[in-house]
C-alpha atoms as a PDB file:
ATOM      1  CA  MET A   1     138.031 110.984  91.469  1.00  0.00           C
ATOM      2  CA  GLU A   2     141.467 109.844  93.174  1.00  0.00           C
ATOM      3  CA  ARG A   3     144.529 111.190  92.734  1.00  0.00           C
ATOM      4  CA  ASN A   4     147.922 109.464  93.870  1.00  0.00           C
ATOM      5  CA  ALA A   5     151.412 110.943  93.100  1.00  0.00           C
ATOM      6  CA  VAL A   6     153.400 109.293  91.266  1.00  0.00           C
ATOM      7  CA  ASN A   7     157.412 110.731  92.397  1.00  0.00           C
ATOM      8  CA  PRO A   8     160.787 108.086  92.047  1.00  0.00           C
ATOM      9  CA  VAL A   9     162.368 111.763  92.711  1.00  0.00           C
ATOM     10  CA  SER A  10     161.376 114.354  95.085  1.00  0.00           C
ATOM     11  CA  TRP A  11     163.797 117.167  93.368  1.00  0.00           C
ATOM     12  CA  SER A  12     159.722 118.079  91.040  1.00  0.00           C
ATOM     13  CA  VAL A  13     157.227 118.247  93.928  1.00  0.00           C
ATOM     14  CA  GLU A  14     159.531 121.133  95.642  1.00  0.00           C
ATOM     15  CA  ARG A  15     159.178 122.971  92.129  1.00  0.00           C
ATOM     16  CA  GLY A  16     155.160 122.580  92.203  1.00  0.00           C
ATOM     17  CA  PHE A  17     154.808 119.381  90.307  1.00  0.00           C
ATOM     18  CA  ASN A  18     154.306 115.595  90.068  1.00  0.00           C
ATOM     19  CA  GLN A  19     156.403 113.220  87.827  1.00  0.00           C
ATOM     20  CA  GLY A  20     153.427 111.833  87.074  1.00  0.00           C
ATOM     21  CA  GLU A  21     149.655 111.488  88.976  1.00  0.00           C
ATOM     22  CA  VAL A  22     147.161 108.303  88.578  1.00  0.00           C
ATOM     23  CA  VAL A  23     143.875 109.499  88.622  1.00  0.00           C
ATOM     24  CA  SER A  24     140.964 107.038  89.243  1.00  0.00           C
ATOM     25  CA  GLY A  25     137.246 107.305  89.876  1.00  0.00           C
ATOM     26  CA  HIS A  26     136.827 110.237  87.436  1.00  0.00           C
ATOM     27  CA  SER A  27     133.782 110.556  85.440  1.00  0.00           C
ATOM     28  CA  ARG A  28     134.634 113.071  83.210  1.00  0.00           C
ATOM     29  CA  THR A  29     137.973 114.972  81.515  1.00  0.00           C
ATOM     30  CA  LEU A  30     138.048 118.078  80.231  1.00  0.00           C
ATOM     31  CA  PHE A  31     141.110 119.063  77.752  1.00  0.00           C
ATOM     32  CA  ILE A  32     141.374 122.747  77.190  1.00  0.00           C
ATOM     33  CA  SER A  33     142.880 124.459  74.546  1.00  0.00           C
ATOM     34  CA  GLY A  34     146.090 126.607  74.804  1.00  0.00           C
ATOM     35  CA  GLN A  35     145.175 129.984  77.482  1.00  0.00           C
ATOM     36  CA  THR A  36     147.267 133.198  76.692  1.00  0.00           C
ATOM     37  CA  ALA A  37     146.548 136.914  77.946  1.00  0.00           C
ATOM     38  CA  MET A  38     142.955 137.890  75.550  1.00  0.00           C
ATOM     39  CA  SER A  39     141.065 139.630  76.637  1.00  0.00           C
ATOM     40  CA  GLU A  40     136.895 138.491  76.485  1.00  0.00           C
ATOM     41  CA  ASP A  41     136.443 140.040  72.758  1.00  0.00           C
ATOM     42  CA  GLY A  42     140.163 138.235  71.919  1.00  0.00           C
ATOM     43  CA  LYS A  43     142.616 141.314  72.179  1.00  0.00           C
ATOM     44  CA  PRO A  44     145.566 140.609  73.408  1.00  0.00           C
ATOM     45  CA  GLU A  45     146.718 142.136  76.297  1.00  0.00           C
ATOM     46  CA  HIS A  46     149.630 142.743  78.476  1.00  0.00           C
ATOM     47  CA  ASP A  47     152.765 143.498  75.945  1.00  0.00           C
ATOM     48  CA  GLY A  48     155.330 143.322  77.795  1.00  0.00           C
ATOM     49  CA  ASP A  49     154.549 142.365  80.769  1.00  0.00           C
ATOM     50  CA  MET A  50     155.033 138.540  81.618  1.00  0.00           C
ATOM     51  CA  ALA A  51     153.674 138.694  84.908  1.00  0.00           C
ATOM     52  CA  ALA A  52     150.580 139.949  83.757  1.00  0.00           C
ATOM     53  CA  GLN A  53     150.222 137.796  80.607  1.00  0.00           C
ATOM     54  CA  LEU A  54     150.677 134.736  82.566  1.00  0.00           C
ATOM     55  CA  ALA A  55     147.986 136.179  84.938  1.00  0.00           C
ATOM     56  CA  LEU A  56     145.540 136.604  82.384  1.00  0.00           C
ATOM     57  CA  SER A  57     146.053 133.004  81.178  1.00  0.00           C
ATOM     58  CA  VAL A  58     145.369 131.677  84.490  1.00  0.00           C
ATOM     59  CA  ASP A  59     142.094 133.463  84.856  1.00  0.00           C
ATOM     60  CA  ASN A  60     141.420 132.416  81.395  1.00  0.00           C
ATOM     61  CA  VAL A  61     141.890 128.787  82.238  1.00  0.00           C
ATOM     62  CA  GLU A  62     140.673 129.073  84.914  1.00  0.00           C
ATOM     63  CA  ALA A  63     137.285 130.614  82.982  1.00  0.00           C
ATOM     64  CA  VAL A  64     136.909 127.154  80.655  1.00  0.00           C
ATOM     65  CA  LEU A  65     137.459 125.561  84.166  1.00  0.00           C
ATOM     66  CA  ALA A  66     134.785 127.333  85.875  1.00  0.00           C
ATOM     67  CA  GLU A  67     132.605 126.719  82.595  1.00  0.00           C
ATOM     68  CA  ALA A  68     132.593 122.963  82.789  1.00  0.00           C
ATOM     69  CA  GLY A  69     132.086 122.854  86.651  1.00  0.00           C
ATOM     70  CA  MET A  70     135.888 122.154  87.093  1.00  0.00           C
ATOM     71  CA  SER A  71     138.256 124.771  88.444  1.00  0.00           C
ATOM     72  CA  LEU A  72     142.171 124.391  88.956  1.00  0.00           C
ATOM     73  CA  ALA A  73     141.815 121.813  92.046  1.00  0.00           C
ATOM     74  CA  ASN A  74     140.930 119.255  88.784  1.00  0.00           C
ATOM     75  CA  LEU A  75     143.779 120.131  86.569  1.00  0.00           C
ATOM     76  CA  VAL A  76     146.206 116.833  86.431  1.00  0.00           C
ATOM     77  CA  ARG A  77     148.214 118.475  83.567  1.00  0.00           C
ATOM     78  CA  LEU A  78     150.031 121.485  82.318  1.00  0.00           C
ATOM     79  CA  ASN A  79     151.770 122.094  79.745  1.00  0.00           C
ATOM     80  CA  VAL A  80     153.402 125.691  79.169  1.00  0.00           C
ATOM     81  CA  TYR A  81     154.897 127.066  76.509  1.00  0.00           C
ATOM     82  CA  THR A  82     157.137 130.696  76.495  1.00  0.00           C
ATOM     83  CA  THR A  83     158.543 132.615  74.230  1.00  0.00           C
ATOM     84  CA  ASP A  84     161.477 133.072  77.135  1.00  0.00           C
ATOM     85  CA  VAL A  85     162.132 131.039  79.238  1.00  0.00           C
ATOM     86  CA  ASP A  86     164.071 132.747  81.479  1.00  0.00           C
ATOM     87  CA  LEU A  87     161.686 135.710  81.392  1.00  0.00           C
ATOM     88  CA  LEU A  88     158.875 132.722  82.350  1.00  0.00           C
ATOM     89  CA  PHE A  89     160.971 131.834  85.252  1.00  0.00           C
ATOM     90  CA  ARG A  90     161.065 135.694  86.952  1.00  0.00           C
ATOM     91  CA  HIS A  91     157.907 135.064  87.417  1.00  0.00           C
ATOM     92  CA  TYR A  92     157.006 131.524  87.744  1.00  0.00           C
ATOM     93  CA  GLY A  93     155.683 132.758  91.595  1.00  0.00           C
ATOM     94  CA  VAL A  94     152.482 134.007  89.602  1.00  0.00           C
ATOM     95  CA  LEU A  95     151.176 130.490  88.496  1.00  0.00           C
ATOM     96  CA  ALA A  96     153.171 128.212  91.020  1.00  0.00           C
ATOM     97  CA  GLY A  97     150.603 130.691  93.886  1.00  0.00           C
ATOM     98  CA  ARG A  98     148.057 130.084  92.055  1.00  0.00           C
ATOM     99  CA  LEU A  99     147.858 126.508  91.584  1.00  0.00           C
ATOM    100  CA  GLY A 100     149.309 125.936  95.054  1.00  0.00           C
ATOM    101  CA  ALA A 101     146.377 128.066  96.146  1.00  0.00           C
ATOM    102  CA  ALA A 102     144.452 125.250  95.249  1.00  0.00           C
ATOM    103  CA  GLY A 103     145.414 122.535  95.977  1.00  0.00           C
ATOM    104  CA  VAL A 104     147.258 121.980  93.589  1.00  0.00           C
ATOM    105  CA  ALA A 105     150.614 120.365  91.397  1.00  0.00           C
ATOM    106  CA  PRO A 106     149.553 119.023  88.132  1.00  0.00           C
ATOM    107  CA  THR A 107     152.241 117.171  85.860  1.00  0.00           C
ATOM    108  CA  THR A 108     153.531 120.544  83.375  1.00  0.00           C
ATOM    109  CA  THR A 109     156.247 120.652  80.689  1.00  0.00           C
ATOM    110  CA  MET A 110     157.668 124.048  80.116  1.00  0.00           C
ATOM    111  CA  LEU A 111     159.012 124.585  76.155  1.00  0.00           C
ATOM    112  CA  GLY A 112     160.246 127.606  75.286  1.00  0.00           C
ATOM    113  CA  VAL A 113     159.233 128.432  71.680  1.00  0.00           C
ATOM    114  CA  THR A 114     159.946 130.810  68.826  1.00  0.00           C
ATOM    115  CA  ARG A 115     156.758 132.768  68.816  1.00  0.00           C
ATOM    116  CA  LEU A 116     152.912 132.030  69.795  1.00  0.00           C
ATOM    117  CA  ALA A 117     150.442 132.103  67.695  1.00  0.00           C
ATOM    118  CA  ILE A 118     149.373 135.790  68.172  1.00  0.00           C
ATOM    119  CA  PRO A 119     151.863 138.242  68.102  1.00  0.00           C
ATOM    120  CA  GLY A 120     152.798 139.653  71.552  1.00  0.00           C
ATOM    121  CA  GLN A 121     151.587 137.046  73.319  1.00  0.00           C
ATOM    122  CA  MET A 122     154.154 135.793  75.822  1.00  0.00           C
ATOM    123  CA  VAL A 123     153.633 132.348  77.898  1.00  0.00           C
ATOM    124  CA  GLU A 124     149.885 130.270  76.554  1.00  0.00           C
ATOM    125  CA  LEU A 125     148.955 127.255  78.815  1.00  0.00           C
ATOM    126  CA  GLU A 126     146.979 124.207  77.698  1.00  0.00           C
ATOM    127  CA  GLY A 127     145.345 122.012  80.642  1.00  0.00           C
ATOM    128  CA  THR A 128     144.043 118.746  80.876  1.00  0.00           C
ATOM    129  CA  ALA A 129     141.304 118.280  84.233  1.00  0.00           C
ATOM    130  CA  VAL A 130     139.808 115.571  85.332  1.00  0.00           C
ATOM    131  CA  ALA A 131     136.106 115.253  87.723  1.00  0.00           C
END
């Protein structure tokens, strides 16, 4: 797979994401449903703790990727939904650090929402990966 960043402006790269990515030569695409801070047995975790919810949400994204034989390095699109944008920004390093360690800056959209499907959940990550 070959990835080429498309950045008509540079400010997004400084914030850890590309404006666009051209992906060629890939043979598989994985669409990842929204992942939240849920335990393996489907129970919500870390009520009121944005940093911990964000970390577990990334863990759950990585689990889906691993099951498909991929890693965060294959992530080309990430949608972030949160019930508190300001609070998420204070803890965004949790996510940015994991993506940076994987050497990836996927195209990203962040949206503030009234609530998520599971009460108490504050962040949800949805992605697309290619290999």
